[in-house]
Amino acid sequence: MEIGLTTFVETTSDVKTGKVISHAERIREVVEEIVLADELGLDVFGVGEHHRKDYACSAPAVLLAAAAARTKKNSPFKCSYSFVFR
């Protein structure tokens, strides 16, 4: 069994301020989340692909490559992405 997380890198507004963070900031946050997941020993981190204004990641392979350069496990940290069609 593998334990992991997944995200569509959504950019929802902050419930207190109503502010929506930029796509660049959200992508930086997700890279940090992937690094933390690796440090905590999770097995996989999935990133979904969307091509809408309210989602920051339309190229999961690029985001995952940036994160993979910062993971520290001896064996590669598994990353995956999925296509979502609407």
PDB file of N, CA and C in Angstrom:
ATOM      1  N   MET A   1       0.840  -1.170   0.000  1.00  0.00           N
ATOM      2  CA  MET A   1       0.000   0.000   0.000  1.00  0.00           C
ATOM      3  C   MET A   1       0.891   1.241   0.000  1.00  0.00           C
ATOM      4  N   GLU A   2       0.452   2.256  -0.727  1.00  0.00           N
ATOM      5  CA  GLU A   2       1.153   3.532  -0.755  1.00  0.00           C
ATOM      6  C   GLU A   2       0.236   4.620  -0.207  1.00  0.00           C
ATOM      7  N   ILE A   3       0.834   5.533   0.520  1.00  0.00           N
ATOM      8  CA  ILE A   3       0.094   6.653   1.105  1.00  0.00           C
ATOM      9  C   ILE A   3       0.604   7.936   0.455  1.00  0.00           C
ATOM     10  N   GLY A   4      -0.325   8.817   0.077  1.00  0.00           N
ATOM     11  CA  GLY A   4       0.106  10.052  -0.551  1.00  0.00           C
ATOM     12  C   GLY A   4      -0.971  11.113  -0.573  1.00  0.00           C
ATOM     13  N   LEU A   5      -0.668  12.174  -1.289  1.00  0.00           N
ATOM     14  CA  LEU A   5      -1.560  13.321  -1.421  1.00  0.00           C
ATOM     15  C   LEU A   5      -1.748  13.652  -2.888  1.00  0.00           C
ATOM     16  N   THR A   6      -2.793  14.414  -3.171  1.00  0.00           N
ATOM     17  CA  THR A   6      -3.023  14.894  -4.521  1.00  0.00           C
ATOM     18  C   THR A   6      -3.607  16.300  -4.470  1.00  0.00           C
ATOM     19  N   THR A   7      -3.380  17.061  -5.516  1.00  0.00           N
ATOM     20  CA  THR A   7      -3.913  18.417  -5.595  1.00  0.00           C
ATOM     21  C   THR A   7      -4.185  18.774  -7.046  1.00  0.00           C
ATOM     22  N   PHE A   8      -5.095  19.708  -7.237  1.00  0.00           N
ATOM     23  CA  PHE A   8      -5.315  20.291  -8.559  1.00  0.00           C
ATOM     24  C   PHE A   8      -4.744  21.707  -8.608  1.00  0.00           C
ATOM     25  N   VAL A   9      -4.021  22.089  -7.564  1.00  0.00           N
ATOM     26  CA  VAL A   9      -3.344  23.393  -7.465  1.00  0.00           C
ATOM     27  C   VAL A   9      -4.350  24.532  -7.664  1.00  0.00           C
ATOM     28  N   GLU A  10      -5.454  24.430  -6.941  1.00  0.00           N
ATOM     29  CA  GLU A  10      -6.506  25.435  -7.031  1.00  0.00           C
ATOM     30  C   GLU A  10      -6.068  26.743  -6.375  1.00  0.00           C
ATOM     31  N   THR A  11      -6.639  27.834  -6.848  1.00  0.00           N
ATOM     32  CA  THR A  11      -6.332  29.152  -6.287  1.00  0.00           C
ATOM     33  C   THR A  11      -7.621  29.764  -5.751  1.00  0.00           C
ATOM     34  N   THR A  12      -8.115  29.211  -4.670  1.00  0.00           N
ATOM     35  CA  THR A  12      -9.335  29.732  -4.054  1.00  0.00           C
ATOM     36  C   THR A  12      -9.002  30.947  -3.198  1.00  0.00           C
ATOM     37  N   SER A  13      -9.995  31.755  -2.918  1.00  0.00           N
ATOM     38  CA  SER A  13      -9.766  32.957  -2.118  1.00  0.00           C
ATOM     39  C   SER A  13      -9.655  32.630  -0.636  1.00  0.00           C
ATOM     40  N   ASP A  14      -8.877  33.434   0.058  1.00  0.00           N
ATOM     41  CA  ASP A  14      -8.717  33.308   1.506  1.00  0.00           C
ATOM     42  C   ASP A  14     -10.054  33.623   2.163  1.00  0.00           C
ATOM     43  N   VAL A  15     -10.507  32.789   3.081  1.00  0.00           N
ATOM     44  CA  VAL A  15     -11.829  32.979   3.694  1.00  0.00           C
ATOM     45  C   VAL A  15     -11.907  34.237   4.544  1.00  0.00           C
ATOM     46  N   LYS A  16     -10.786  34.699   5.097  1.00  0.00           N
ATOM     47  CA  LYS A  16     -10.803  35.896   5.940  1.00  0.00           C
ATOM     48  C   LYS A  16     -10.662  37.177   5.128  1.00  0.00           C
ATOM     49  N   THR A  17      -9.743  37.179   4.171  1.00  0.00           N
ATOM     50  CA  THR A  17      -9.452  38.410   3.438  1.00  0.00           C
ATOM     51  C   THR A  17     -10.120  38.483   2.066  1.00  0.00           C
ATOM     52  N   GLY A  18     -10.484  37.349   1.506  1.00  0.00           N
ATOM     53  CA  GLY A  18     -11.052  37.324   0.171  1.00  0.00           C
ATOM     54  C   GLY A  18     -10.005  37.420  -0.929  1.00  0.00           C
ATOM     55  N   LYS A  19      -8.742  37.562  -0.545  1.00  0.00           N
ATOM     56  CA  LYS A  19      -7.657  37.704  -1.513  1.00  0.00           C
ATOM     57  C   LYS A  19      -7.341  36.357  -2.169  1.00  0.00           C
ATOM     58  N   VAL A  20      -7.102  36.387  -3.470  1.00  0.00           N
ATOM     59  CA  VAL A  20      -6.692  35.201  -4.208  1.00  0.00           C
ATOM     60  C   VAL A  20      -5.195  35.340  -4.491  1.00  0.00           C
ATOM     61  N   ILE A  21      -4.417  34.330  -4.109  1.00  0.00           N
ATOM     62  CA  ILE A  21      -2.977  34.415  -4.356  1.00  0.00           C
ATOM     63  C   ILE A  21      -2.683  34.170  -5.834  1.00  0.00           C
ATOM     64  N   SER A  22      -1.527  34.619  -6.255  1.00  0.00           N
ATOM     65  CA  SER A  22      -1.144  34.466  -7.661  1.00  0.00           C
ATOM     66  C   SER A  22      -0.849  33.003  -7.975  1.00  0.00           C
ATOM     67  N   HIS A  23      -0.879  32.686  -9.245  1.00  0.00           N
ATOM     68  CA  HIS A  23      -0.540  31.318  -9.660  1.00  0.00           C
ATOM     69  C   HIS A  23       0.898  30.984  -9.291  1.00  0.00           C
ATOM     70  N   ALA A  24       1.796  31.944  -9.446  1.00  0.00           N
ATOM     71  CA  ALA A  24       3.206  31.715  -9.106  1.00  0.00           C
ATOM     72  C   ALA A  24       3.361  31.361  -7.628  1.00  0.00           C
ATOM     73  N   GLU A  25       2.674  32.099  -6.770  1.00  0.00           N
ATOM     74  CA  GLU A  25       2.761  31.820  -5.327  1.00  0.00           C
ATOM     75  C   GLU A  25       2.169  30.453  -4.999  1.00  0.00           C
ATOM     76  N   ARG A  26       1.047  30.110  -5.621  1.00  0.00           N
ATOM     77  CA  ARG A  26       0.420  28.812  -5.352  1.00  0.00           C
ATOM     78  C   ARG A  26       1.324  27.667  -5.807  1.00  0.00           C
ATOM     79  N   ILE A  27       1.984  27.838  -6.932  1.00  0.00           N
ATOM     80  CA  ILE A  27       2.908  26.803  -7.401  1.00  0.00           C
ATOM     81  C   ILE A  27       4.082  26.660  -6.439  1.00  0.00           C
ATOM     82  N   ARG A  28       4.606  27.783  -5.938  1.00  0.00           N
ATOM     83  CA  ARG A  28       5.679  27.711  -4.927  1.00  0.00           C
ATOM     84  C   ARG A  28       5.200  26.962  -3.688  1.00  0.00           C
ATOM     85  N   GLU A  29       3.966  27.226  -3.265  1.00  0.00           N
ATOM     86  CA  GLU A  29       3.413  26.516  -2.105  1.00  0.00           C
ATOM     87  C   GLU A  29       3.343  25.011  -2.359  1.00  0.00           C
ATOM     88  N   VAL A  30       2.906  24.620  -3.531  1.00  0.00           N
ATOM     89  CA  VAL A  30       2.777  23.187  -3.834  1.00  0.00           C
ATOM     90  C   VAL A  30       4.145  22.514  -3.870  1.00  0.00           C
ATOM     91  N   VAL A  31       5.149  23.185  -4.419  1.00  0.00           N
ATOM     92  CA  VAL A  31       6.504  22.619  -4.403  1.00  0.00           C
ATOM     93  C   VAL A  31       6.943  22.384  -2.959  1.00  0.00           C
ATOM     94  N   GLU A  32       6.685  23.340  -2.081  1.00  0.00           N
ATOM     95  CA  GLU A  32       7.026  23.177  -0.662  1.00  0.00           C
ATOM     96  C   GLU A  32       6.234  22.028  -0.031  1.00  0.00           C
ATOM     97  N   GLU A  33       4.972  21.882  -0.417  1.00  0.00           N
ATOM     98  CA  GLU A  33       4.155  20.774   0.099  1.00  0.00           C
ATOM     99  C   GLU A  33       4.726  19.429  -0.346  1.00  0.00           C
ATOM    100  N   ILE A  34       5.187  19.355  -1.589  1.00  0.00           N
ATOM    101  CA  ILE A  34       5.775  18.110  -2.095  1.00  0.00           C
ATOM    102  C   ILE A  34       7.058  17.780  -1.351  1.00  0.00           C
ATOM    103  N   VAL A  35       7.897  18.785  -1.121  1.00  0.00           N
ATOM    104  CA  VAL A  35       9.141  18.575  -0.372  1.00  0.00           C
ATOM    105  C   VAL A  35       8.816  18.091   1.043  1.00  0.00           C
ATOM    106  N   LEU A  36       7.844  18.698   1.694  1.00  0.00           N
ATOM    107  CA  LEU A  36       7.448  18.284   3.039  1.00  0.00           C
ATOM    108  C   LEU A  36       6.892  16.861   3.037  1.00  0.00           C
ATOM    109  N   ALA A  37       6.069  16.540   2.051  1.00  0.00           N
ATOM    110  CA  ALA A  37       5.514  15.185   1.959  1.00  0.00           C
ATOM    111  C   ALA A  37       6.633  14.157   1.828  1.00  0.00           C
ATOM    112  N   ASP A  38       7.647  14.484   1.050  1.00  0.00           N
ATOM    113  CA  ASP A  38       8.800  13.603   0.906  1.00  0.00           C
ATOM    114  C   ASP A  38       9.531  13.445   2.240  1.00  0.00           C
ATOM    115  N   GLU A  39       9.759  14.546   2.934  1.00  0.00           N
ATOM    116  CA  GLU A  39      10.448  14.506   4.223  1.00  0.00           C
ATOM    117  C   GLU A  39       9.671  13.702   5.261  1.00  0.00           C
ATOM    118  N   LEU A  40       8.342  13.742   5.173  1.00  0.00           N
ATOM    119  CA  LEU A  40       7.507  13.011   6.123  1.00  0.00           C
ATOM    120  C   LEU A  40       7.360  11.534   5.764  1.00  0.00           C
ATOM    121  N   GLY A  41       7.875  11.149   4.606  1.00  0.00           N
ATOM    122  CA  GLY A  41       7.871   9.747   4.234  1.00  0.00           C
ATOM    123  C   GLY A  41       6.679   9.282   3.420  1.00  0.00           C
ATOM    124  N   LEU A  42       5.886  10.207   2.888  1.00  0.00           N
ATOM    125  CA  LEU A  42       4.776   9.789   2.043  1.00  0.00           C
ATOM    126  C   LEU A  42       5.325   9.171   0.757  1.00  0.00           C
ATOM    127  N   ASP A  43       4.529   8.318   0.129  1.00  0.00           N
ATOM    128  CA  ASP A  43       4.984   7.563  -1.034  1.00  0.00           C
ATOM    129  C   ASP A  43       4.750   8.258  -2.370  1.00  0.00           C
ATOM    130  N   VAL A  44       3.721   9.066  -2.454  1.00  0.00           N
ATOM    131  CA  VAL A  44       3.348   9.641  -3.744  1.00  0.00           C
ATOM    132  C   VAL A  44       2.720  11.013  -3.548  1.00  0.00           C
ATOM    133  N   PHE A  45       2.871  11.877  -4.547  1.00  0.00           N
ATOM    134  CA  PHE A  45       2.195  13.171  -4.563  1.00  0.00           C
ATOM    135  C   PHE A  45       1.675  13.373  -5.973  1.00  0.00           C
ATOM    136  N   GLY A  46       0.357  13.467  -6.127  1.00  0.00           N
ATOM    137  CA  GLY A  46      -0.256  13.613  -7.442  1.00  0.00           C
ATOM    138  C   GLY A  46      -0.677  15.041  -7.704  1.00  0.00           C
ATOM    139  N   VAL A  47      -0.510  15.470  -8.963  1.00  0.00           N
ATOM    140  CA  VAL A  47      -0.920  16.810  -9.381  1.00  0.00           C
ATOM    141  C   VAL A  47      -1.811  16.681 -10.602  1.00  0.00           C
ATOM    142  N   GLY A  48      -3.003  17.225 -10.511  1.00  0.00           N
ATOM    143  CA  GLY A  48      -3.933  17.192 -11.631  1.00  0.00           C
ATOM    144  C   GLY A  48      -3.715  18.358 -12.568  1.00  0.00           C
ATOM    145  N   GLU A  49      -4.144  18.194 -13.802  1.00  0.00           N
ATOM    146  CA  GLU A  49      -3.971  19.220 -14.824  1.00  0.00           C
ATOM    147  C   GLU A  49      -5.313  19.868 -15.141  1.00  0.00           C
ATOM    148  N   HIS A  50      -5.338  21.195 -15.088  1.00  0.00           N
ATOM    149  CA  HIS A  50      -6.524  21.974 -15.449  1.00  0.00           C
ATOM    150  C   HIS A  50      -6.105  23.146 -16.310  1.00  0.00           C
ATOM    151  N   HIS A  51      -6.986  23.585 -17.164  1.00  0.00           N
ATOM    152  CA  HIS A  51      -6.726  24.755 -18.002  1.00  0.00           C
ATOM    153  C   HIS A  51      -7.835  25.778 -17.772  1.00  0.00           C
ATOM    154  N   ARG A  52      -7.946  26.206 -16.522  1.00  0.00           N
ATOM    155  CA  ARG A  52      -8.943  27.202 -16.139  1.00  0.00           C
ATOM    156  C   ARG A  52      -8.265  28.250 -15.273  1.00  0.00           C
ATOM    157  N   LYS A  53      -8.872  29.406 -15.208  1.00  0.00           N
ATOM    158  CA  LYS A  53      -8.312  30.542 -14.471  1.00  0.00           C
ATOM    159  C   LYS A  53      -8.121  30.256 -12.974  1.00  0.00           C
ATOM    160  N   ASP A  54      -8.999  29.444 -12.383  1.00  0.00           N
ATOM    161  CA  ASP A  54      -8.953  29.206 -10.944  1.00  0.00           C
ATOM    162  C   ASP A  54      -8.053  28.034 -10.539  1.00  0.00           C
ATOM    163  N   TYR A  55      -7.270  27.528 -11.477  1.00  0.00           N
ATOM    164  CA  TYR A  55      -6.292  26.471 -11.184  1.00  0.00           C
ATOM    165  C   TYR A  55      -4.936  26.925 -11.710  1.00  0.00           C
ATOM    166  N   ALA A  56      -3.897  26.761 -10.913  1.00  0.00           N
ATOM    167  CA  ALA A  56      -2.595  27.326 -11.245  1.00  0.00           C
ATOM    168  C   ALA A  56      -1.720  26.434 -12.102  1.00  0.00           C
ATOM    169  N   CYS A  57      -2.053  25.171 -12.252  1.00  0.00           N
ATOM    170  CA  CYS A  57      -1.143  24.267 -12.934  1.00  0.00           C
ATOM    171  C   CYS A  57      -1.751  23.670 -14.198  1.00  0.00           C
ATOM    172  N   SER A  58      -1.210  24.078 -15.332  1.00  0.00           N
ATOM    173  CA  SER A  58      -1.628  23.483 -16.594  1.00  0.00           C
ATOM    174  C   SER A  58      -0.531  22.582 -17.166  1.00  0.00           C
ATOM    175  N   ALA A  59       0.588  22.467 -16.440  1.00  0.00           N
ATOM    176  CA  ALA A  59       1.700  21.615 -16.875  1.00  0.00           C
ATOM    177  C   ALA A  59       2.286  20.878 -15.661  1.00  0.00           C
ATOM    178  N   PRO A  60       1.588  19.853 -15.168  1.00  0.00           N
ATOM    179  CA  PRO A  60       2.041  19.150 -13.976  1.00  0.00           C
ATOM    180  C   PRO A  60       3.446  18.577 -14.082  1.00  0.00           C
ATOM    181  N   ALA A  61       3.850  18.138 -15.252  1.00  0.00           N
ATOM    182  CA  ALA A  61       5.183  17.554 -15.394  1.00  0.00           C
ATOM    183  C   ALA A  61       6.275  18.571 -15.050  1.00  0.00           C
ATOM    184  N   VAL A  62       6.066  19.827 -15.400  1.00  0.00           N
ATOM    185  CA  VAL A  62       7.040  20.871 -15.100  1.00  0.00           C
ATOM    186  C   VAL A  62       7.082  21.134 -13.594  1.00  0.00           C
ATOM    187  N   LEU A  63       5.906  21.246 -12.971  1.00  0.00           N
ATOM    188  CA  LEU A  63       5.841  21.462 -11.529  1.00  0.00           C
ATOM    189  C   LEU A  63       6.493  20.291 -10.786  1.00  0.00           C
ATOM    190  N   LEU A  64       6.185  19.070 -11.198  1.00  0.00           N
ATOM    191  CA  LEU A  64       6.736  17.886 -10.535  1.00  0.00           C
ATOM    192  C   LEU A  64       8.243  17.776 -10.741  1.00  0.00           C
ATOM    193  N   ALA A  65       8.739  18.206 -11.884  1.00  0.00           N
ATOM    194  CA  ALA A  65      10.185  18.192 -12.125  1.00  0.00           C
ATOM    195  C   ALA A  65      10.890  19.181 -11.190  1.00  0.00           C
ATOM    196  N   ALA A  66      10.292  20.350 -11.008  1.00  0.00           N
ATOM    197  CA  ALA A  66      10.868  21.335 -10.089  1.00  0.00           C
ATOM    198  C   ALA A  66      10.904  20.792  -8.668  1.00  0.00           C
ATOM    199  N   ALA A  67       9.833  20.117  -8.267  1.00  0.00           N
ATOM    200  CA  ALA A  67       9.776  19.549  -6.918  1.00  0.00           C
ATOM    201  C   ALA A  67      10.732  18.372  -6.782  1.00  0.00           C
ATOM    202  N   ALA A  68      10.839  17.546  -7.816  1.00  0.00           N
ATOM    203  CA  ALA A  68      11.710  16.365  -7.751  1.00  0.00           C
ATOM    204  C   ALA A  68      13.169  16.764  -7.549  1.00  0.00           C
ATOM    205  N   ALA A  69      13.547  17.917  -8.056  1.00  0.00           N
ATOM    206  CA  ALA A  69      14.919  18.399  -7.874  1.00  0.00           C
ATOM    207  C   ALA A  69      15.212  18.730  -6.415  1.00  0.00           C
ATOM    208  N   ARG A  70      14.168  18.858  -5.595  1.00  0.00           N
ATOM    209  CA  ARG A  70      14.349  19.233  -4.186  1.00  0.00           C
ATOM    210  C   ARG A  70      14.026  18.124  -3.205  1.00  0.00           C
ATOM    211  N   THR A  71      13.603  16.955  -3.686  1.00  0.00           N
ATOM    212  CA  THR A  71      13.309  15.861  -2.765  1.00  0.00           C
ATOM    213  C   THR A  71      14.593  15.146  -2.394  1.00  0.00           C
ATOM    214  N   LYS A  72      14.596  14.466  -1.236  1.00  0.00           N
ATOM    215  CA  LYS A  72      15.830  13.943  -0.682  1.00  0.00           C
ATOM    216  C   LYS A  72      15.887  12.431  -0.487  1.00  0.00           C
ATOM    217  N   LYS A  73      14.829  11.718  -0.795  1.00  0.00           N
ATOM    218  CA  LYS A  73      14.843  10.271  -0.584  1.00  0.00           C
ATOM    219  C   LYS A  73      15.925   9.613  -1.426  1.00  0.00           C
ATOM    220  N   ASN A  74      16.459   8.494  -0.924  1.00  0.00           N
ATOM    221  CA  ASN A  74      17.435   7.740  -1.704  1.00  0.00           C
ATOM    222  C   ASN A  74      16.794   7.170  -2.955  1.00  0.00           C
ATOM    223  N   SER A  75      15.569   6.651  -2.817  1.00  0.00           N
ATOM    224  CA  SER A  75      14.846   6.197  -4.001  1.00  0.00           C
ATOM    225  C   SER A  75      13.965   7.352  -4.475  1.00  0.00           C
ATOM    226  N   PRO A  76      13.683   7.430  -5.749  1.00  0.00           N
ATOM    227  CA  PRO A  76      12.893   8.565  -6.255  1.00  0.00           C
ATOM    228  C   PRO A  76      11.515   8.641  -5.591  1.00  0.00           C
ATOM    229  N   PHE A  77      11.100   9.835  -5.297  1.00  0.00           N
ATOM    230  CA  PHE A  77       9.771  10.100  -4.756  1.00  0.00           C
ATOM    231  C   PHE A  77       8.802  10.020  -5.924  1.00  0.00           C
ATOM    232  N   LYS A  78       7.793   9.187  -5.813  1.00  0.00           N
ATOM    233  CA  LYS A  78       6.854   9.008  -6.921  1.00  0.00           C
ATOM    234  C   LYS A  78       5.941  10.221  -7.055  1.00  0.00           C
ATOM    235  N   CYS A  79       5.861  10.727  -8.250  1.00  0.00           N
ATOM    236  CA  CYS A  79       4.957  11.825  -8.564  1.00  0.00           C
ATOM    237  C   CYS A  79       4.110  11.419  -9.751  1.00  0.00           C
ATOM    238  N   SER A  80       2.889  11.884  -9.768  1.00  0.00           N
ATOM    239  CA  SER A  80       2.013  11.539 -10.880  1.00  0.00           C
ATOM    240  C   SER A  80       1.110  12.713 -11.204  1.00  0.00           C
ATOM    241  N   TYR A  81       0.568  12.673 -12.399  1.00  0.00           N
ATOM    242  CA  TYR A  81      -0.425  13.685 -12.739  1.00  0.00           C
ATOM    243  C   TYR A  81      -1.526  13.063 -13.563  1.00  0.00           C
ATOM    244  N   SER A  82      -2.662  13.730 -13.562  1.00  0.00           N
ATOM    245  CA  SER A  82      -3.802  13.207 -14.307  1.00  0.00           C
ATOM    246  C   SER A  82      -4.416  14.314 -15.150  1.00  0.00           C
ATOM    247  N   PHE A  83      -5.017  13.944 -16.249  1.00  0.00           N
ATOM    248  CA  PHE A  83      -5.702  14.891 -17.118  1.00  0.00           C
ATOM    249  C   PHE A  83      -7.175  14.911 -16.721  1.00  0.00           C
ATOM    250  N   VAL A  84      -7.741  16.070 -16.701  1.00  0.00           N
ATOM    251  CA  VAL A  84      -9.163  16.219 -16.397  1.00  0.00           C
ATOM    252  C   VAL A  84      -9.812  16.921 -17.586  1.00  0.00           C
ATOM    253  N   PHE A  85     -10.779  16.272 -18.167  1.00  0.00           N
ATOM    254  CA  PHE A  85     -11.469  16.839 -19.316  1.00  0.00           C
ATOM    255  C   PHE A  85     -12.861  17.278 -18.903  1.00  0.00           C
ATOM    256  N   ARG A  86     -13.241  18.449 -19.325  1.00  0.00           N
ATOM    257  CA  ARG A  86     -14.582  18.962 -19.065  1.00  0.00           C
ATOM    258  C   ARG A  86     -15.150  19.522 -20.325  1.00  0.00           C
TER     259      ARG A  86
END
